[in-house]
Amino acid sequence: MIQSTKLYMLTFIATSCINTPVHADENLFGYIKGAETLPEGTLEFDQTFTYRADKDIGEYSAWDSKSEIEYGITDRLTAATYLKMQSINTSGIAIDAYIPGAEHYYLKPSGLEAELKYNFLSPAKDDFGLAGIVSLSYDWLDKHSGLDKDQYSIETILAAQKYYLEGQMIWAGSLGMEATYAHRAPLSADRLASLPVDFDWPTHSEMEIELTAGTGITYRFIPNWFIGAEAQYQTEFETEVGTERWSLFAGPTLHYGGQDWWATVTWFQQLKGGGERYSGQTEDLHLVEKTKHELRLKFGIDF
């Protein structure tokens, strides 16, 4: 009897490790989007915090926040709205056209976004998952300088997802393109007086195209817990300069998925980068618009 009980318990634990399901549209990665959508009539609240730091000169750190309400219109179509917020703390750094000196403030509203996600193929039902995502956003604060800047963007993403080992290992990949129209506000007279005479701060309208490709893989090592890694390549083309920047980030990710909530944390390190450089830059990275590293925390609550 005792041996039978032990055998039953071992079988139960092993089965739980293999078959513990992943909730629909649960974010297994910090940056790479999966192909799942919410079931019809389901409501979820998601919160993302991203910490960006280190441009190799001066002091630079910033927090980005995205608060999301997501709703399953049908089993294949999910709609979401976002409130964006940001904080910034920078000093001892001035980069032409991007960062005109010191700026410091705590979290405050910076933008709005709306998104639709349609699932063409389900990774659970069709063996391979595929989804299309389109979003529209308006931002009134620049994430680099922290100053006023009107930005209108449309982004499209093709997201793929695949389960292996009965769901114990999961792969995801995505391709995206974002088009942005942007217009900076002029600098105040006081700020201009503190900058070099030849400091460049263009206030004409700009058009930017950003291309992104990412991939990630994660493995469930105990029930509800996944450990993995993800990588993302990004490049941007701008009106006057052509290829403005490119960067490759990668890092580990840890995910927990409970019955009613989930959480993911990712550490992203810039491995390589190029394009525009600031005067005196020695690092072989892109540090004008990007930083050396990022830390992202995401969590979601089902209703």
Protein backbone atom coordinates (compact mmCIF):
# COMPACT_ATOMS: atom_id res chain seq x y z
CA MET A 1 0.00 0.00 0.00
CA ILE A 2 2.80 2.42 0.93
CA GLN A 3 4.70 1.59 -2.28
CA SER A 4 1.54 2.16 -4.34
CA THR A 5 0.97 5.53 -2.67
CA LYS A 6 4.57 6.60 -3.38
CA LEU A 7 4.25 5.48 -6.98
CA TYR A 8 1.00 7.44 -7.35
CA MET A 9 2.58 10.60 -5.91
CA LEU A 10 5.62 10.35 -8.16
CA THR A 11 3.41 9.84 -11.19
CA PHE A 12 1.25 12.84 -10.20
CA ILE A 13 4.30 15.11 -9.80
CA ALA A 14 5.82 13.99 -13.09
CA THR A 15 2.52 14.50 -14.91
CA SER A 16 2.14 17.97 -13.41
CA CYS A 17 5.62 18.96 -14.58
CA ILE A 18 4.83 17.86 -18.13
CA ASN A 19 1.23 18.94 -18.56
CA THR A 20 0.91 22.16 -16.53
CA PRO A 21 -0.81 24.42 -19.10
CA VAL A 22 0.29 27.89 -20.15
CA HIS A 23 -2.51 30.44 -19.99
CA ALA A 24 -3.64 31.99 -23.25
CA ASP A 25 -1.59 35.10 -24.10
CA GLU A 26 0.61 34.61 -21.04
CA ASN A 27 3.83 36.60 -21.62
CA LEU A 28 6.61 34.03 -21.32
CA PHE A 29 9.20 36.58 -22.49
CA GLY A 30 9.91 40.20 -21.69
CA TYR A 31 10.33 41.41 -25.29
CA ILE A 32 9.24 38.65 -27.67
CA LYS A 33 5.49 38.35 -28.24
CA GLY A 34 3.75 34.98 -28.49
CA ALA A 35 0.91 33.92 -30.81
CA GLU A 36 -1.80 33.11 -28.25
CA THR A 37 -4.86 35.33 -27.73
CA LEU A 38 -7.31 35.60 -24.83
CA PRO A 39 -10.47 33.47 -24.83
CA GLU A 40 -13.69 35.27 -25.76
CA GLY A 41 -15.03 37.43 -22.93
CA THR A 42 -11.82 37.23 -20.87
CA LEU A 43 -10.34 40.35 -19.30
CA GLU A 44 -6.71 40.74 -18.21
CA PHE A 45 -4.64 43.52 -16.67
CA ASP A 46 -0.95 43.61 -17.60
CA GLN A 47 1.77 45.86 -16.21
CA THR A 48 5.27 46.34 -17.64
CA PHE A 49 8.19 48.21 -16.07
CA THR A 50 11.43 48.68 -18.03
CA TYR A 51 14.61 50.10 -16.54
CA ARG A 52 17.18 51.50 -19.03
CA ALA A 53 20.64 52.63 -17.91
CA ASP A 54 24.21 53.52 -18.88
CA LYS A 55 25.27 55.43 -21.98
CA ASP A 56 28.92 55.18 -20.93
CA ILE A 57 29.20 58.94 -20.26
CA GLY A 58 27.59 61.04 -17.56
CA GLU A 59 24.59 59.70 -15.69
CA TYR A 60 21.62 58.20 -17.55
CA SER A 61 18.76 56.09 -16.21
CA ALA A 62 15.07 55.89 -17.08
CA TRP A 63 11.94 53.92 -16.21
CA ASP A 64 9.21 53.14 -18.74
CA SER A 65 5.78 51.95 -17.61
CA LYS A 66 2.96 50.41 -19.69
CA SER A 67 -0.38 49.63 -18.04
CA GLU A 68 -2.60 47.48 -20.25
CA ILE A 69 -6.22 46.35 -20.23
CA GLU A 70 -6.68 43.38 -22.59
CA TYR A 71 -10.02 41.88 -23.68
CA GLY A 72 -10.88 38.78 -25.72
CA ILE A 73 -13.41 39.92 -28.35
CA THR A 74 -13.46 36.39 -29.80
CA ASP A 75 -11.25 33.36 -29.20
CA ARG A 76 -9.03 34.60 -32.05
CA LEU A 77 -9.22 38.40 -31.68
CA THR A 78 -7.90 40.33 -28.66
CA ALA A 79 -8.02 44.11 -28.15
CA ALA A 80 -5.84 46.09 -25.76
CA THR A 81 -5.36 49.68 -24.60
CA TYR A 82 -2.23 51.04 -22.90
CA LEU A 83 -1.34 53.99 -20.71
CA LYS A 84 2.36 54.81 -20.94
CA MET A 85 4.39 56.58 -18.26
CA GLN A 86 8.08 57.39 -17.86
CA SER A 87 10.68 58.84 -15.54
CA ILE A 88 14.19 60.00 -16.36
CA ASN A 89 17.36 61.01 -14.54
CA THR A 90 20.24 62.26 -16.65
CA SER A 91 23.17 64.63 -16.08
CA GLY A 92 26.65 65.24 -17.42
CA ILE A 93 25.63 64.23 -20.94
CA ALA A 94 24.67 66.18 -24.06
CA ILE A 95 24.16 64.52 -27.44
CA ASP A 96 23.30 66.53 -30.56
CA ALA A 97 19.62 66.16 -31.54
CA TYR A 98 18.87 63.73 -28.68
CA ILE A 99 19.85 64.81 -25.15
CA PRO A 100 20.26 68.56 -24.46
CA GLY A 101 21.69 68.31 -20.96
CA ALA A 102 20.32 67.31 -17.57
CA GLU A 103 16.72 66.29 -16.95
CA HIS A 104 15.06 64.70 -13.93
CA TYR A 105 11.49 63.80 -13.03
CA TYR A 106 9.52 60.86 -11.60
CA LEU A 107 6.90 58.74 -13.36
CA LYS A 108 4.35 60.77 -15.30
CA PRO A 109 2.02 60.03 -18.24
CA SER A 110 3.82 59.99 -21.59
CA GLY A 111 1.58 58.28 -24.16
CA LEU A 112 -1.41 56.16 -25.19
CA GLU A 113 -1.65 53.05 -27.35
CA ALA A 114 -4.35 50.77 -28.81
CA GLU A 115 -3.71 47.27 -30.18
CA LEU A 116 -5.47 44.43 -32.00
CA LYS A 117 -4.11 40.88 -32.11
CA TYR A 118 -5.54 38.18 -34.38
CA ASN A 119 -4.65 34.51 -34.07
CA PHE A 120 -4.38 32.72 -37.44
CA LEU A 121 -3.02 29.44 -36.02
CA SER A 122 -3.03 28.25 -32.41
CA PRO A 123 0.20 26.69 -31.08
CA ALA A 124 -1.89 24.39 -28.86
CA LYS A 125 -4.46 23.28 -31.47
CA ASP A 126 -2.61 23.60 -34.79
CA ASP A 127 0.88 22.49 -33.71
CA PHE A 128 2.32 25.85 -34.84
CA GLY A 129 1.05 29.24 -33.71
CA LEU A 130 0.86 32.39 -35.83
CA ALA A 131 -0.68 35.77 -35.01
CA GLY A 132 -0.79 39.25 -36.50
CA ILE A 133 -0.61 42.36 -34.29
CA VAL A 134 -1.29 45.98 -35.23
CA SER A 135 -1.06 48.95 -32.86
CA LEU A 136 -1.48 52.72 -33.00
CA SER A 137 0.18 55.01 -30.46
CA TYR A 138 0.62 58.65 -29.59
CA ASP A 139 3.44 59.83 -27.30
CA TRP A 140 3.99 63.37 -26.07
CA LEU A 141 7.27 62.83 -24.19
CA ASP A 142 10.54 61.71 -25.79
CA LYS A 143 11.97 58.60 -24.08
CA HIS A 144 15.58 59.71 -24.73
CA SER A 145 15.64 63.33 -23.61
CA GLY A 146 12.48 63.29 -21.49
CA LEU A 147 11.32 66.50 -23.21
CA ASP A 148 8.19 67.31 -25.20
CA LYS A 149 7.98 65.53 -28.55
CA ASP A 150 4.84 64.57 -30.48
CA GLN A 151 5.14 61.07 -31.96
CA TYR A 152 2.50 59.17 -33.93
CA SER A 153 3.30 55.51 -34.65
CA ILE A 154 1.79 52.48 -36.32
CA GLU A 155 3.37 49.07 -35.68
CA THR A 156 2.71 45.67 -37.24
CA ILE A 157 4.08 42.40 -35.83
CA LEU A 158 3.99 38.80 -37.05
CA ALA A 159 4.32 36.53 -34.01
CA ALA A 160 5.03 32.78 -34.10
CA GLN A 161 5.02 30.20 -31.31
CA LYS A 162 5.77 26.47 -31.01
CA TYR A 163 5.39 23.95 -28.16
CA TYR A 164 7.89 21.14 -27.65
CA LEU A 165 7.99 18.21 -25.20
CA GLU A 166 4.24 18.49 -24.58
CA GLY A 167 4.56 22.13 -23.66
CA GLN A 168 7.57 21.83 -21.36
CA MET A 169 9.71 23.77 -23.86
CA ILE A 170 8.32 26.75 -25.78
CA TRP A 171 9.81 28.73 -28.66
CA ALA A 172 8.59 32.14 -29.85
CA GLY A 173 9.74 34.47 -32.61
CA SER A 174 8.52 37.75 -34.07
CA LEU A 175 9.09 40.17 -36.94
CA GLY A 176 7.93 43.77 -36.66
CA MET A 177 7.88 47.10 -38.46
CA GLU A 178 7.04 50.47 -36.92
CA ALA A 179 6.52 53.74 -38.81
CA THR A 180 6.74 56.98 -36.79
CA TYR A 181 6.03 60.64 -37.52
CA ALA A 182 7.74 62.86 -34.92
CA HIS A 183 8.10 66.56 -34.14
CA ARG A 184 10.23 68.00 -31.32
CA ALA A 185 9.28 71.08 -29.35
CA PRO A 186 11.82 73.96 -29.41
CA LEU A 187 14.17 74.26 -26.46
CA SER A 188 13.61 76.98 -23.90
CA ALA A 189 15.87 80.04 -23.93
CA ASP A 190 17.42 79.03 -20.57
CA ARG A 191 18.31 75.57 -21.81
CA LEU A 192 19.71 76.90 -25.09
CA ALA A 193 21.93 79.31 -23.15
CA SER A 194 23.49 76.40 -21.24
CA LEU A 195 24.45 74.50 -24.42
CA PRO A 196 27.30 75.03 -26.90
CA VAL A 197 26.52 77.54 -29.66
CA ASP A 198 26.71 74.83 -32.33
CA PHE A 199 24.46 72.33 -30.49
CA ASP A 200 22.04 70.72 -32.96
CA TRP A 201 18.36 70.49 -31.98
CA PRO A 202 16.22 70.06 -35.13
CA THR A 203 12.55 71.00 -34.78
CA HIS A 204 11.38 70.02 -38.27
CA SER A 205 9.14 66.96 -38.71
CA GLU A 206 10.81 63.55 -39.09
CA MET A 207 9.75 60.18 -40.44
CA GLU A 208 11.29 56.97 -39.05
CA ILE A 209 10.96 53.29 -39.97
CA GLU A 210 12.02 50.71 -37.36
CA LEU A 211 12.48 47.00 -38.14
CA THR A 212 12.65 44.41 -35.35
CA ALA A 213 13.37 40.66 -35.30
CA GLY A 214 13.40 38.59 -32.13
CA THR A 215 13.47 35.03 -30.86
CA GLY A 216 13.30 33.27 -27.50
CA ILE A 217 13.14 29.82 -25.98
CA THR A 218 12.11 28.82 -22.48
CA TYR A 219 11.95 25.58 -20.48
CA ARG A 220 9.72 24.59 -17.54
CA PHE A 221 12.13 23.23 -14.93
CA ILE A 222 9.56 22.83 -12.12
CA PRO A 223 5.76 23.26 -12.15
CA ASN A 224 4.75 26.84 -13.10
CA TRP A 225 8.37 28.04 -13.47
CA PHE A 226 10.15 28.64 -16.81
CA ILE A 227 13.74 29.68 -17.45
CA GLY A 228 15.05 30.70 -20.84
CA ALA A 229 16.69 33.33 -23.00
CA GLU A 230 15.65 35.82 -25.66
CA ALA A 231 17.38 38.04 -28.22
CA GLN A 232 16.25 41.01 -30.30
CA TYR A 233 17.80 42.79 -33.31
CA GLN A 234 16.53 46.26 -34.15
CA THR A 235 17.41 48.82 -36.80
CA GLU A 236 15.97 52.24 -37.67
CA PHE A 237 15.94 54.37 -40.82
CA GLU A 238 15.38 58.13 -40.55
CA THR A 239 14.47 60.88 -43.03
CA GLU A 240 17.85 62.58 -43.47
CA VAL A 241 20.49 60.05 -42.36
CA GLY A 242 19.29 56.74 -43.81
CA THR A 243 20.33 53.91 -41.47
CA GLU A 244 20.32 55.74 -38.15
CA ARG A 245 21.03 52.86 -35.76
CA TRP A 246 21.08 49.14 -35.17
CA SER A 247 21.52 47.05 -32.04
CA LEU A 248 21.49 43.46 -30.81
CA PHE A 249 20.29 42.73 -27.27
CA ALA A 250 20.10 39.35 -25.53
CA GLY A 251 19.68 37.98 -22.03
CA PRO A 252 18.09 35.48 -19.66
CA THR A 253 14.42 35.41 -18.74
CA LEU A 254 12.51 33.89 -15.81
CA HIS A 255 8.75 33.31 -15.85
CA TYR A 256 6.16 32.20 -13.29
CA GLY A 257 2.63 31.27 -14.30
CA GLY A 258 0.04 30.76 -11.56
CA GLN A 259 -3.66 29.98 -11.80
CA ASP A 260 -4.83 33.62 -11.93
CA TRP A 261 -1.64 35.60 -12.49
CA TRP A 262 1.80 35.43 -14.09
CA ALA A 263 5.09 37.36 -13.96
CA THR A 264 8.18 37.58 -16.18
CA VAL A 265 11.56 39.24 -15.65
CA THR A 266 14.21 39.70 -18.37
CA TRP A 267 17.72 41.11 -18.22
CA PHE A 268 18.76 42.56 -21.61
CA GLN A 269 22.39 43.37 -22.41
CA GLN A 270 23.46 45.17 -25.60
CA LEU A 271 25.93 42.84 -27.31
CA LYS A 272 26.58 44.83 -30.47
CA GLY A 273 25.40 48.06 -32.03
CA GLY A 274 26.17 50.70 -34.63
CA GLY A 275 24.95 53.72 -36.55
CA GLU A 276 25.06 57.24 -35.14
CA ARG A 277 27.64 57.82 -32.41
CA TYR A 278 28.16 60.68 -30.00
CA SER A 279 31.40 62.68 -30.01
CA GLY A 280 34.15 60.80 -28.19
CA GLN A 281 32.31 57.45 -28.01
CA THR A 282 34.67 54.49 -27.63
CA GLU A 283 32.26 51.56 -27.03
CA ASP A 284 31.38 49.45 -30.09
CA LEU A 285 27.66 49.83 -29.29
CA HIS A 286 24.77 52.11 -30.16
CA LEU A 287 24.47 54.44 -27.16
CA VAL A 288 22.69 57.45 -28.66
CA GLU A 289 19.13 56.08 -28.49
CA LYS A 290 19.90 52.84 -26.65
CA THR A 291 21.63 52.07 -23.35
CA LYS A 292 24.07 49.32 -22.38
CA HIS A 293 21.47 47.29 -20.54
CA GLU A 294 17.76 47.03 -19.70
CA LEU A 295 15.76 45.22 -17.03
CA ARG A 296 12.10 44.43 -17.72
CA LEU A 297 9.43 43.18 -15.30
CA LYS A 298 5.97 42.18 -16.55
CA PHE A 299 3.00 40.74 -14.70
CA GLY A 300 -0.60 39.97 -15.58
CA ILE A 301 -3.79 39.33 -13.61
CA ASP A 302 -6.81 37.49 -15.07
CA PHE A 303 -10.36 38.58 -14.31
